[in-house]
Amino acid sequence: MIQNRKGIRMHFVKVKGILSSKNGMNLFRGCTYGCIYCDSRSKCYQMNHSFEDIEVKENSIELLEDRLKRKRKKCMIGMGSMTDPYINEELKLNYTRKALETINKYGFGLTLITKSSNIIRDLDLLKEINSKTKCVVQMTLTTYDERLCKIIEPNVSTTKERVETLIKLREAGIPTVVWMTPILPYINDTEENIRGILNYCKEAKVKGILCFGMGLTLREGNREYFYSKLDKYFPHLKDRYIREFGNFYVVNSRNNYRLMKIFRDFCENEKIMYDYNKIFSYLNTFEEKEISKQLSIFDL
C-alpha cells in the first residue's frame, strides 16, 4: 500500500488478463474524482477495497503487449469504461501512456473515455495512432455551470477545461465524441444547461454526442453515496428523490421529453451524430489509413 502526501492510497495487484472480450480495458480500479453520481461505486462490481484507494494492475502493460502481438486481426482498443485512464495518479504512474505506446507499436486503433485535460500530455501518441488508423477521444460533459461542476465533479477538470481540451484535440485532427450524461433531476436538468453543453459541443466541432435520456442510474452502492452528497449540497432533495423514484434503477427527469427534443433538434441542425447505435458502430470500427497500408506493403 502506498499513500502520498494528500492521503491518496494506491495498491498494486497482478491480474490474469487485461482485455475484455470486446477489447476494452481498465488499467486501474477505483477513482479519486469524487463525482457524486458515479455508477462505478455500485456493489455489483465487487470492489473489495475503498473506492478512493486506487488499484493499479501492475502487469497490465505486459499482458496487453502479449495479447496484441498475438491478435490476428486489428481492432479498436477501448479504455476507461470503469475508471478514467487519466486520473491524476496516472501523471506519475505512466501506465496509460505505456498502453498507448503499445497500441501504437502494434498498429491498433484506440478510443477512450475521460473527463480530464491530462490527456493532452499524450497528444503526440494520439496523433501518431490517428495517422495510421483511428483514434477517438470521448469526453463527459454534464453541466455548463462551472460552480455546479465543482460540486458534482469536485476533483476533475472543469467543464471549460474539458471543452478547451476538446478543441485542442480537434485542432490536432483527433475526432471527439461527448457523453452528455448523467443529467440529474432537479439539479442540471434545465434547458439552459442542455443548450449550454450543446453550444460547447458545437464550438468544439465534436463528431457525435451520446445521450440516453435525461436522467441517471442508481443502484446499491452508488445510490447511498449520491444521497449523502444530496444531503450535503442540496438540502431536502434526497427526500424528493425517495418519494418520486423509490429504488428505481433508471431515474428520469420530468423534463426528459422536452430536453431530448431540444437535444435531437440541435444535433440535426448542426449535423452532429446522435444516434447511439451509429456512434458505437463508428467507435468500434477499425480503419486503416492509406499511409499505414503503404507502409505495411513496404515492410513486406
C-alpha atoms as a PDB file:
ATOM      1  CA  MET A   1       0.000   0.000   0.000  1.00  0.00           C
ATOM      2  CA  ILE A   2       1.323   3.446  -0.973  1.00  0.00           C
ATOM      3  CA  GLN A   3      -0.074   6.678   0.442  1.00  0.00           C
ATOM      4  CA  ASN A   4       1.004  10.097  -0.791  1.00  0.00           C
ATOM      5  CA  ARG A   5       1.009  13.440   0.996  1.00  0.00           C
ATOM      6  CA  LYS A   6      -2.598  14.129   0.042  1.00  0.00           C
ATOM      7  CA  GLY A   7      -3.737  10.873   1.611  1.00  0.00           C
ATOM      8  CA  ILE A   8      -4.446   9.157  -1.716  1.00  0.00           C
ATOM      9  CA  ARG A   9      -3.857   5.451  -1.407  1.00  0.00           C
ATOM     10  CA  MET A  10      -2.760   3.047  -4.120  1.00  0.00           C
ATOM     11  CA  HIS A  11      -2.125  -0.655  -4.099  1.00  0.00           C
ATOM     12  CA  PHE A  12      -0.668  -2.832  -6.827  1.00  0.00           C
ATOM     13  CA  VAL A  13      -2.051  -6.198  -7.941  1.00  0.00           C
ATOM     14  CA  LYS A  14      -1.226  -8.752 -10.587  1.00  0.00           C
ATOM     15  CA  VAL A  15      -4.140  -9.719 -12.822  1.00  0.00           C
ATOM     16  CA  LYS A  16      -4.690 -12.693 -15.119  1.00  0.00           C
ATOM     17  CA  GLY A  17      -5.959 -10.718 -18.088  1.00  0.00           C
ATOM     18  CA  ILE A  18      -6.375  -7.145 -19.266  1.00  0.00           C
ATOM     19  CA  LEU A  19      -8.507  -7.107 -22.436  1.00  0.00           C
ATOM     20  CA  SER A  20     -12.211  -7.931 -22.258  1.00  0.00           C
ATOM     21  CA  SER A  21     -14.000  -9.995 -24.894  1.00  0.00           C
ATOM     22  CA  LYS A  22     -14.915  -6.690 -26.582  1.00  0.00           C
ATOM     23  CA  ASN A  23     -11.320  -5.416 -26.469  1.00  0.00           C
ATOM     24  CA  GLY A  24     -11.849  -2.942 -23.652  1.00  0.00           C
ATOM     25  CA  MET A  25      -9.571  -2.465 -20.676  1.00  0.00           C
ATOM     26  CA  ASN A  26      -9.188  -0.592 -17.417  1.00  0.00           C
ATOM     27  CA  LEU A  27      -5.697  -0.159 -16.042  1.00  0.00           C
ATOM     28  CA  PHE A  28      -6.995   0.938 -12.647  1.00  0.00           C
ATOM     29  CA  ARG A  29      -9.912   0.261 -10.293  1.00  0.00           C
ATOM     30  CA  GLY A  30     -11.252   2.980  -8.051  1.00  0.00           C
ATOM     31  CA  CYS A  31     -11.172   6.737  -8.538  1.00  0.00           C
ATOM     32  CA  THR A  32     -10.391   9.973  -6.698  1.00  0.00           C
ATOM     33  CA  TYR A  33     -12.543  12.327  -8.790  1.00  0.00           C
ATOM     34  CA  GLY A  34     -15.365  12.251  -6.239  1.00  0.00           C
ATOM     35  CA  CYS A  35     -18.206  12.567  -8.801  1.00  0.00           C
ATOM     36  CA  ILE A  36     -21.379  12.329  -6.750  1.00  0.00           C
ATOM     37  CA  TYR A  37     -23.263  10.152  -9.281  1.00  0.00           C
ATOM     38  CA  CYS A  38     -20.579   7.576 -10.155  1.00  0.00           C
ATOM     39  CA  ASP A  39     -22.031   4.182 -11.127  1.00  0.00           C
ATOM     40  CA  SER A  40     -18.642   2.506 -10.678  1.00  0.00           C
ATOM     41  CA  ARG A  41     -19.233   2.671  -6.911  1.00  0.00           C
ATOM     42  CA  SER A  42     -22.057   0.136  -7.271  1.00  0.00           C
ATOM     43  CA  LYS A  43     -21.646  -3.020  -5.190  1.00  0.00           C
ATOM     44  CA  CYS A  44     -22.319  -5.217  -8.214  1.00  0.00           C
ATOM     45  CA  TYR A  45     -18.745  -4.577  -9.370  1.00  0.00           C
ATOM     46  CA  GLN A  46     -17.486  -6.341  -6.246  1.00  0.00           C
ATOM     47  CA  MET A  47     -14.673  -3.960  -5.390  1.00  0.00           C
ATOM     48  CA  ASN A  48     -13.068  -5.277  -2.231  1.00  0.00           C
ATOM     49  CA  HIS A  49     -11.346  -2.041  -1.239  1.00  0.00           C
ATOM     50  CA  SER A  50     -12.210   1.596  -0.657  1.00  0.00           C
ATOM     51  CA  PHE A  51     -13.283   3.287  -3.879  1.00  0.00           C
ATOM     52  CA  GLU A  52     -10.740   6.061  -3.319  1.00  0.00           C
ATOM     53  CA  ASP A  53      -7.949   3.505  -2.945  1.00  0.00           C
ATOM     54  CA  ILE A  54      -6.608   3.133  -6.494  1.00  0.00           C
ATOM     55  CA  GLU A  55      -5.948  -0.446  -7.513  1.00  0.00           C
ATOM     56  CA  VAL A  56      -3.168  -0.466 -10.101  1.00  0.00           C
ATOM     57  CA  LYS A  57      -2.904  -3.516 -12.368  1.00  0.00           C
ATOM     58  CA  GLU A  58       0.871  -3.678 -12.273  1.00  0.00           C
ATOM     59  CA  ASN A  59       1.325  -6.314 -15.014  1.00  0.00           C
ATOM     60  CA  SER A  60      -1.256  -4.774 -17.372  1.00  0.00           C
ATOM     61  CA  ILE A  61       1.223  -3.489 -19.973  1.00  0.00           C
ATOM     62  CA  GLU A  62       2.943  -6.864 -20.291  1.00  0.00           C
ATOM     63  CA  LEU A  63      -0.435  -8.576 -20.666  1.00  0.00           C
ATOM     64  CA  LEU A  64      -1.558  -6.029 -23.246  1.00  0.00           C
ATOM     65  CA  GLU A  65       1.563  -6.475 -25.357  1.00  0.00           C
ATOM     66  CA  ASP A  66       1.221 -10.246 -25.234  1.00  0.00           C
ATOM     67  CA  ARG A  67      -2.394 -10.056 -26.422  1.00  0.00           C
ATOM     68  CA  LEU A  68      -1.822  -7.515 -29.179  1.00  0.00           C
ATOM     69  CA  LYS A  69       1.176  -9.237 -30.734  1.00  0.00           C
ATOM     70  CA  ARG A  70      -0.850 -12.477 -30.940  1.00  0.00           C
ATOM     71  CA  LYS A  71      -4.053 -10.977 -32.348  1.00  0.00           C
ATOM     72  CA  ARG A  72      -4.640 -11.999 -35.968  1.00  0.00           C
ATOM     73  CA  LYS A  73      -6.956  -9.106 -36.762  1.00  0.00           C
ATOM     74  CA  LYS A  74      -6.517  -5.449 -35.908  1.00  0.00           C
ATOM     75  CA  CYS A  75      -9.320  -3.744 -33.988  1.00  0.00           C
ATOM     76  CA  MET A  76     -10.190  -0.762 -31.823  1.00  0.00           C
ATOM     77  CA  ILE A  77      -8.953  -0.932 -28.235  1.00  0.00           C
ATOM     78  CA  GLY A  78     -11.194   0.796 -25.684  1.00  0.00           C
ATOM     79  CA  MET A  79     -10.091   2.381 -22.420  1.00  0.00           C
ATOM     80  CA  GLY A  80     -11.831   3.990 -19.468  1.00  0.00           C
ATOM     81  CA  SER A  81     -15.280   2.433 -19.242  1.00  0.00           C
ATOM     82  CA  MET A  82     -14.971   1.975 -15.471  1.00  0.00           C
ATOM     83  CA  THR A  83     -12.036   4.115 -14.355  1.00  0.00           C
ATOM     84  CA  ASP A  84     -10.739   7.193 -16.159  1.00  0.00           C
ATOM     85  CA  PRO A  85      -7.332   6.436 -17.724  1.00  0.00           C
ATOM     86  CA  TYR A  86      -6.230   9.989 -16.847  1.00  0.00           C
ATOM     87  CA  ILE A  87      -6.881  10.063 -13.123  1.00  0.00           C
ATOM     88  CA  ASN A  88      -4.324  12.397 -11.520  1.00  0.00           C
ATOM     89  CA  GLU A  89      -2.279   9.452 -10.235  1.00  0.00           C
ATOM     90  CA  GLU A  90      -1.521   8.492 -13.852  1.00  0.00           C
ATOM     91  CA  LEU A  91       0.734  11.523 -14.234  1.00  0.00           C
ATOM     92  CA  LYS A  92       3.279   9.716 -12.055  1.00  0.00           C
ATOM     93  CA  LEU A  93       2.417   6.121 -12.927  1.00  0.00           C
ATOM     94  CA  ASN A  94       2.507   6.482 -16.747  1.00  0.00           C
ATOM     95  CA  TYR A  95       0.524   3.263 -17.254  1.00  0.00           C
ATOM     96  CA  THR A  96      -1.851   4.896 -19.722  1.00  0.00           C
ATOM     97  CA  ARG A  97       0.995   6.341 -21.739  1.00  0.00           C
ATOM     98  CA  LYS A  98       2.729   2.949 -21.842  1.00  0.00           C
ATOM     99  CA  ALA A  99      -0.537   1.373 -23.006  1.00  0.00           C
ATOM    100  CA  LEU A 100      -0.818   3.950 -25.802  1.00  0.00           C
ATOM    101  CA  GLU A 101       2.756   3.232 -26.832  1.00  0.00           C
ATOM    102  CA  THR A 102       1.937  -0.471 -27.029  1.00  0.00           C
ATOM    103  CA  ILE A 103      -1.264   0.103 -29.006  1.00  0.00           C
ATOM    104  CA  ASN A 104       0.670   2.335 -31.403  1.00  0.00           C
ATOM    105  CA  LYS A 105       3.523  -0.165 -31.696  1.00  0.00           C
ATOM    106  CA  TYR A 106       1.217  -2.909 -32.949  1.00  0.00           C
ATOM    107  CA  GLY A 107      -0.949  -0.700 -35.160  1.00  0.00           C
ATOM    108  CA  PHE A 108      -4.276  -0.952 -33.318  1.00  0.00           C
ATOM    109  CA  GLY A 109      -6.950   1.736 -33.131  1.00  0.00           C
ATOM    110  CA  LEU A 110      -7.909   3.491 -29.922  1.00  0.00           C
ATOM    111  CA  THR A 111     -10.928   5.013 -28.271  1.00  0.00           C
ATOM    112  CA  LEU A 112     -11.016   6.156 -24.670  1.00  0.00           C
ATOM    113  CA  ILE A 113     -13.345   7.933 -22.259  1.00  0.00           C
ATOM    114  CA  THR A 114     -12.085  10.675 -19.945  1.00  0.00           C
ATOM    115  CA  LYS A 115     -13.079  13.798 -18.020  1.00  0.00           C
ATOM    116  CA  SER A 116      -9.541  15.094 -17.725  1.00  0.00           C
ATOM    117  CA  SER A 117      -7.417  17.635 -19.540  1.00  0.00           C
ATOM    118  CA  ASN A 118      -4.455  15.440 -18.513  1.00  0.00           C
ATOM    119  CA  ILE A 119      -4.961  13.651 -21.826  1.00  0.00           C
ATOM    120  CA  ILE A 120      -3.136  16.477 -23.620  1.00  0.00           C
ATOM    121  CA  ARG A 121       0.100  15.125 -22.134  1.00  0.00           C
ATOM    122  CA  ASP A 122      -0.172  12.252 -24.630  1.00  0.00           C
ATOM    123  CA  LEU A 123      -1.268  14.265 -27.658  1.00  0.00           C
ATOM    124  CA  ASP A 124       1.842  13.167 -29.554  1.00  0.00           C
ATOM    125  CA  LEU A 125       0.875   9.500 -29.248  1.00  0.00           C
ATOM    126  CA  LEU A 126      -2.794  10.121 -30.006  1.00  0.00           C
ATOM    127  CA  LYS A 127      -1.800  11.914 -33.211  1.00  0.00           C
ATOM    128  CA  GLU A 128       0.560   9.115 -34.212  1.00  0.00           C
ATOM    129  CA  ILE A 129      -2.111   6.454 -33.682  1.00  0.00           C
ATOM    130  CA  ASN A 130      -4.616   8.557 -35.596  1.00  0.00           C
ATOM    131  CA  SER A 131      -2.198   8.984 -38.507  1.00  0.00           C
ATOM    132  CA  LYS A 132      -2.175   5.215 -39.059  1.00  0.00           C
ATOM    133  CA  THR A 133      -5.657   4.181 -38.027  1.00  0.00           C
ATOM    134  CA  LYS A 134      -8.358   5.799 -35.901  1.00  0.00           C
ATOM    135  CA  CYS A 135      -8.102   7.452 -32.501  1.00  0.00           C
ATOM    136  CA  VAL A 136     -11.310   8.810 -30.950  1.00  0.00           C
ATOM    137  CA  VAL A 137     -11.465  10.643 -27.620  1.00  0.00           C
ATOM    138  CA  GLN A 138     -14.731  10.572 -25.715  1.00  0.00           C
ATOM    139  CA  MET A 139     -15.276  13.307 -23.126  1.00  0.00           C
ATOM    140  CA  THR A 140     -18.027  13.518 -20.497  1.00  0.00           C
ATOM    141  CA  LEU A 141     -19.830  16.850 -20.083  1.00  0.00           C
ATOM    142  CA  THR A 142     -22.640  17.113 -17.549  1.00  0.00           C
ATOM    143  CA  THR A 143     -23.061  20.786 -16.713  1.00  0.00           C
ATOM    144  CA  TYR A 144     -22.499  24.174 -18.283  1.00  0.00           C
ATOM    145  CA  ASP A 145     -22.328  25.773 -14.816  1.00  0.00           C
ATOM    146  CA  GLU A 146     -18.735  25.875 -13.526  1.00  0.00           C
ATOM    147  CA  ARG A 147     -19.875  26.320  -9.918  1.00  0.00           C
ATOM    148  CA  LEU A 148     -22.133  23.290 -10.128  1.00  0.00           C
ATOM    149  CA  CYS A 149     -19.387  21.320 -11.847  1.00  0.00           C
ATOM    150  CA  LYS A 150     -17.146  21.714  -8.791  1.00  0.00           C
ATOM    151  CA  ILE A 151     -19.938  20.331  -6.599  1.00  0.00           C
ATOM    152  CA  ILE A 152     -20.952  17.285  -8.600  1.00  0.00           C
ATOM    153  CA  GLU A 153     -17.480  16.548 -10.054  1.00  0.00           C
ATOM    154  CA  PRO A 154     -15.149  18.097  -7.460  1.00  0.00           C
ATOM    155  CA  ASN A 155     -11.700  16.681  -8.263  1.00  0.00           C
ATOM    156  CA  VAL A 156     -11.604  16.680 -12.046  1.00  0.00           C
ATOM    157  CA  SER A 157     -11.066  19.187 -14.853  1.00  0.00           C
ATOM    158  CA  THR A 158     -13.840  21.767 -15.030  1.00  0.00           C
ATOM    159  CA  THR A 159     -16.243  21.840 -17.942  1.00  0.00           C
ATOM    160  CA  LYS A 160     -14.401  24.766 -19.549  1.00  0.00           C
ATOM    161  CA  GLU A 161     -11.094  22.930 -19.227  1.00  0.00           C
ATOM    162  CA  ARG A 162     -12.624  19.871 -20.873  1.00  0.00           C
ATOM    163  CA  VAL A 163     -14.030  21.946 -23.723  1.00  0.00           C
ATOM    164  CA  GLU A 164     -10.633  23.585 -24.247  1.00  0.00           C
ATOM    165  CA  THR A 165      -9.191  20.068 -24.392  1.00  0.00           C
ATOM    166  CA  LEU A 166     -11.775  19.000 -26.977  1.00  0.00           C
ATOM    167  CA  ILE A 167     -10.831  21.996 -29.116  1.00  0.00           C
ATOM    168  CA  LYS A 168      -7.111  21.150 -28.893  1.00  0.00           C
ATOM    169  CA  LEU A 169      -7.853  17.567 -29.901  1.00  0.00           C
ATOM    170  CA  ARG A 170      -9.905  18.621 -32.910  1.00  0.00           C
ATOM    171  CA  GLU A 171      -7.191  21.089 -33.967  1.00  0.00           C
ATOM    172  CA  ALA A 172      -4.819  18.120 -33.881  1.00  0.00           C
ATOM    173  CA  GLY A 173      -7.164  16.136 -36.125  1.00  0.00           C
ATOM    174  CA  ILE A 174      -8.430  13.820 -33.378  1.00  0.00           C
ATOM    175  CA  PRO A 175     -12.185  13.099 -33.690  1.00  0.00           C
ATOM    176  CA  THR A 176     -14.178  13.540 -30.490  1.00  0.00           C
ATOM    177  CA  VAL A 177     -17.453  12.319 -29.013  1.00  0.00           C
ATOM    178  CA  VAL A 178     -19.198  13.806 -25.966  1.00  0.00           C
ATOM    179  CA  TRP A 179     -21.138  11.834 -23.356  1.00  0.00           C
ATOM    180  CA  MET A 180     -23.862  14.208 -22.155  1.00  0.00           C
ATOM    181  CA  THR A 181     -24.707  12.151 -19.121  1.00  0.00           C
ATOM    182  CA  PRO A 182     -25.825  11.908 -16.387  1.00  0.00           C
ATOM    183  CA  ILE A 183     -28.417  14.657 -16.172  1.00  0.00           C
ATOM    184  CA  LEU A 184     -29.560  14.834 -12.557  1.00  0.00           C
ATOM    185  CA  PRO A 185     -33.251  15.595 -11.889  1.00  0.00           C
ATOM    186  CA  TYR A 186     -33.748  18.973 -10.152  1.00  0.00           C
ATOM    187  CA  ILE A 187     -30.020  19.731 -10.418  1.00  0.00           C
ATOM    188  CA  ASN A 188     -28.851  20.090 -14.020  1.00  0.00           C
ATOM    189  CA  ASP A 189     -31.969  19.071 -15.999  1.00  0.00           C
ATOM    190  CA  THR A 190     -32.662  22.565 -17.329  1.00  0.00           C
ATOM    191  CA  GLU A 191     -32.925  23.916 -20.846  1.00  0.00           C
ATOM    192  CA  GLU A 192     -30.216  26.458 -20.066  1.00  0.00           C
ATOM    193  CA  ASN A 193     -27.805  23.716 -19.053  1.00  0.00           C
ATOM    194  CA  ILE A 194     -28.538  21.455 -22.015  1.00  0.00           C
ATOM    195  CA  ARG A 195     -28.206  24.290 -24.529  1.00  0.00           C
ATOM    196  CA  GLY A 196     -25.007  25.412 -22.816  1.00  0.00           C
ATOM    197  CA  ILE A 197     -23.444  21.964 -23.213  1.00  0.00           C
ATOM    198  CA  LEU A 198     -24.683  21.646 -26.797  1.00  0.00           C
ATOM    199  CA  ASN A 199     -23.189  25.001 -27.738  1.00  0.00           C
ATOM    200  CA  TYR A 200     -19.898  23.868 -26.245  1.00  0.00           C
ATOM    201  CA  CYS A 201     -20.111  20.745 -28.434  1.00  0.00           C
ATOM    202  CA  LYS A 202     -20.727  22.923 -31.480  1.00  0.00           C
ATOM    203  CA  GLU A 203     -17.760  25.131 -30.602  1.00  0.00           C
ATOM    204  CA  ALA A 204     -15.514  22.076 -30.255  1.00  0.00           C
ATOM    205  CA  LYS A 205     -16.852  20.576 -33.520  1.00  0.00           C
ATOM    206  CA  VAL A 206     -17.474  17.181 -31.954  1.00  0.00           C
ATOM    207  CA  LYS A 207     -18.355  14.290 -34.240  1.00  0.00           C
ATOM    208  CA  GLY A 208     -21.098  12.902 -32.018  1.00  0.00           C
ATOM    209  CA  ILE A 209     -22.969  13.292 -28.742  1.00  0.00           C
ATOM    210  CA  LEU A 210     -24.171  10.328 -26.684  1.00  0.00           C
ATOM    211  CA  CYS A 211     -27.264  10.889 -24.569  1.00  0.00           C
ATOM    212  CA  PHE A 212     -29.521   8.019 -23.486  1.00  0.00           C
ATOM    213  CA  GLY A 213     -32.117  10.213 -21.820  1.00  0.00           C
ATOM    214  CA  MET A 214     -32.241  12.997 -19.275  1.00  0.00           C
ATOM    215  CA  GLY A 215     -31.616  11.194 -16.010  1.00  0.00           C
ATOM    216  CA  LEU A 216     -29.228   8.873 -14.203  1.00  0.00           C
ATOM    217  CA  THR A 217     -28.985   5.340 -12.873  1.00  0.00           C
ATOM    218  CA  LEU A 218     -28.887   4.448  -9.175  1.00  0.00           C
ATOM    219  CA  ARG A 219     -28.246   1.105  -7.553  1.00  0.00           C
ATOM    220  CA  GLU A 220     -26.862  -0.250  -4.333  1.00  0.00           C
ATOM    221  CA  GLY A 221     -23.571   1.414  -3.529  1.00  0.00           C
ATOM    222  CA  ASN A 222     -23.750   4.469  -5.729  1.00  0.00           C
ATOM    223  CA  ARG A 223     -27.269   5.373  -4.527  1.00  0.00           C
ATOM    224  CA  GLU A 224     -26.145   5.703  -0.909  1.00  0.00           C
ATOM    225  CA  TYR A 225     -23.132   7.827  -1.854  1.00  0.00           C
ATOM    226  CA  PHE A 226     -25.247  10.031  -4.125  1.00  0.00           C
ATOM    227  CA  TYR A 227     -27.848  10.574  -1.389  1.00  0.00           C
ATOM    228  CA  SER A 228     -25.156  11.508   1.132  1.00  0.00           C
ATOM    229  CA  LYS A 229     -23.993  14.240  -1.243  1.00  0.00           C
ATOM    230  CA  LEU A 230     -27.546  15.439  -1.806  1.00  0.00           C
ATOM    231  CA  ASP A 231     -27.846  15.877   1.967  1.00  0.00           C
ATOM    232  CA  LYS A 232     -24.641  17.912   1.973  1.00  0.00           C
ATOM    233  CA  TYR A 233     -25.141  20.146  -1.056  1.00  0.00           C
ATOM    234  CA  PHE A 234     -28.866  20.061  -1.878  1.00  0.00           C
ATOM    235  CA  PRO A 235     -30.869  20.008   1.389  1.00  0.00           C
ATOM    236  CA  HIS A 236     -34.224  18.161   1.261  1.00  0.00           C
ATOM    237  CA  LEU A 237     -33.651  16.927  -2.317  1.00  0.00           C
ATOM    238  CA  LYS A 238     -32.951  13.375  -1.143  1.00  0.00           C
ATOM    239  CA  ASP A 239     -36.457  13.129   0.316  1.00  0.00           C
ATOM    240  CA  ARG A 240     -37.900  14.202  -3.021  1.00  0.00           C
ATOM    241  CA  TYR A 241     -35.886  11.534  -4.846  1.00  0.00           C
ATOM    242  CA  ILE A 242     -37.083   8.865  -2.412  1.00  0.00           C
ATOM    243  CA  ARG A 243     -40.713   9.938  -2.821  1.00  0.00           C
ATOM    244  CA  GLU A 244     -40.638  10.118  -6.605  1.00  0.00           C
ATOM    245  CA  PHE A 245     -38.200   7.369  -7.593  1.00  0.00           C
ATOM    246  CA  GLY A 246     -38.051   4.907  -4.713  1.00  0.00           C
ATOM    247  CA  ASN A 247     -35.468   2.245  -5.554  1.00  0.00           C
ATOM    248  CA  PHE A 248     -35.777   2.633  -9.343  1.00  0.00           C
ATOM    249  CA  TYR A 249     -32.615   1.862 -11.287  1.00  0.00           C
ATOM    250  CA  VAL A 250     -33.379   4.425 -14.007  1.00  0.00           C
ATOM    251  CA  VAL A 251     -34.240   7.860 -12.626  1.00  0.00           C
ATOM    252  CA  ASN A 252     -35.667  10.071 -15.372  1.00  0.00           C
ATOM    253  CA  SER A 253     -36.132  13.818 -15.292  1.00  0.00           C
ATOM    254  CA  ARG A 254     -39.664  15.144 -15.618  1.00  0.00           C
ATOM    255  CA  ASN A 255     -38.220  17.320 -18.370  1.00  0.00           C
ATOM    256  CA  ASN A 256     -36.957  14.316 -20.316  1.00  0.00           C
ATOM    257  CA  TYR A 257     -39.239  14.586 -23.365  1.00  0.00           C
ATOM    258  CA  ARG A 258     -38.748  18.338 -23.854  1.00  0.00           C
ATOM    259  CA  LEU A 259     -34.993  18.278 -23.285  1.00  0.00           C
ATOM    260  CA  MET A 260     -34.470  15.268 -25.540  1.00  0.00           C
ATOM    261  CA  LYS A 261     -36.315  17.091 -28.326  1.00  0.00           C
ATOM    262  CA  ILE A 262     -34.020  20.083 -27.878  1.00  0.00           C
ATOM    263  CA  PHE A 263     -31.041  17.706 -27.998  1.00  0.00           C
ATOM    264  CA  ARG A 264     -32.166  15.896 -31.158  1.00  0.00           C
ATOM    265  CA  ASP A 265     -33.197  19.084 -32.985  1.00  0.00           C
ATOM    266  CA  PHE A 266     -29.883  20.739 -32.181  1.00  0.00           C
ATOM    267  CA  CYS A 267     -27.844  17.754 -33.406  1.00  0.00           C
ATOM    268  CA  GLU A 268     -29.836  17.517 -36.625  1.00  0.00           C
ATOM    269  CA  ASN A 269     -29.448  21.231 -37.327  1.00  0.00           C
ATOM    270  CA  GLU A 270     -25.704  21.149 -36.628  1.00  0.00           C
ATOM    271  CA  LYS A 271     -25.121  17.808 -38.423  1.00  0.00           C
ATOM    272  CA  ILE A 272     -23.784  16.193 -35.246  1.00  0.00           C
ATOM    273  CA  MET A 273     -24.203  12.424 -34.954  1.00  0.00           C
ATOM    274  CA  TYR A 274     -26.523  11.484 -32.062  1.00  0.00           C
ATOM    275  CA  ASP A 275     -27.943   8.044 -32.841  1.00  0.00           C
ATOM    276  CA  TYR A 276     -26.117   5.912 -30.269  1.00  0.00           C
ATOM    277  CA  ASN A 277     -26.107   2.818 -32.489  1.00  0.00           C
ATOM    278  CA  LYS A 278     -24.316   4.745 -35.229  1.00  0.00           C
ATOM    279  CA  ILE A 279     -21.893   6.291 -32.750  1.00  0.00           C
ATOM    280  CA  PHE A 280     -20.989   2.947 -31.192  1.00  0.00           C
ATOM    281  CA  SER A 281     -20.584   1.432 -34.658  1.00  0.00           C
ATOM    282  CA  TYR A 282     -18.191   4.262 -35.503  1.00  0.00           C
ATOM    283  CA  LEU A 283     -16.263   3.827 -32.257  1.00  0.00           C
ATOM    284  CA  ASN A 284     -15.899   0.080 -32.747  1.00  0.00           C
ATOM    285  CA  THR A 285     -14.935   0.085 -36.431  1.00  0.00           C
ATOM    286  CA  PHE A 286     -11.230  -0.247 -37.102  1.00  0.00           C
ATOM    287  CA  GLU A 287      -9.918   1.808 -40.013  1.00  0.00           C
ATOM    288  CA  GLU A 288      -6.510   1.519 -41.621  1.00  0.00           C
ATOM    289  CA  LYS A 289      -5.425   4.701 -43.351  1.00  0.00           C
ATOM    290  CA  GLU A 290      -3.734   4.690 -46.730  1.00  0.00           C
ATOM    291  CA  ILE A 291      -0.310   5.677 -45.435  1.00  0.00           C
ATOM    292  CA  SER A 292      -0.423   2.751 -42.998  1.00  0.00           C
ATOM    293  CA  LYS A 293      -1.357   0.350 -45.804  1.00  0.00           C
ATOM    294  CA  GLN A 294       1.546   1.605 -47.902  1.00  0.00           C
ATOM    295  CA  LEU A 295       3.951   1.157 -45.011  1.00  0.00           C
ATOM    296  CA  SER A 296       2.651  -2.397 -44.468  1.00  0.00           C
ATOM    297  CA  ILE A 297       3.270  -3.303 -48.090  1.00  0.00           C
ATOM    298  CA  PHE A 298       6.736  -1.749 -47.935  1.00  0.00           C
ATOM    299  CA  ASP A 299       7.569  -3.790 -44.821  1.00  0.00           C
ATOM    300  CA  LEU A 300       6.762  -6.980 -46.703  1.00  0.00           C
END
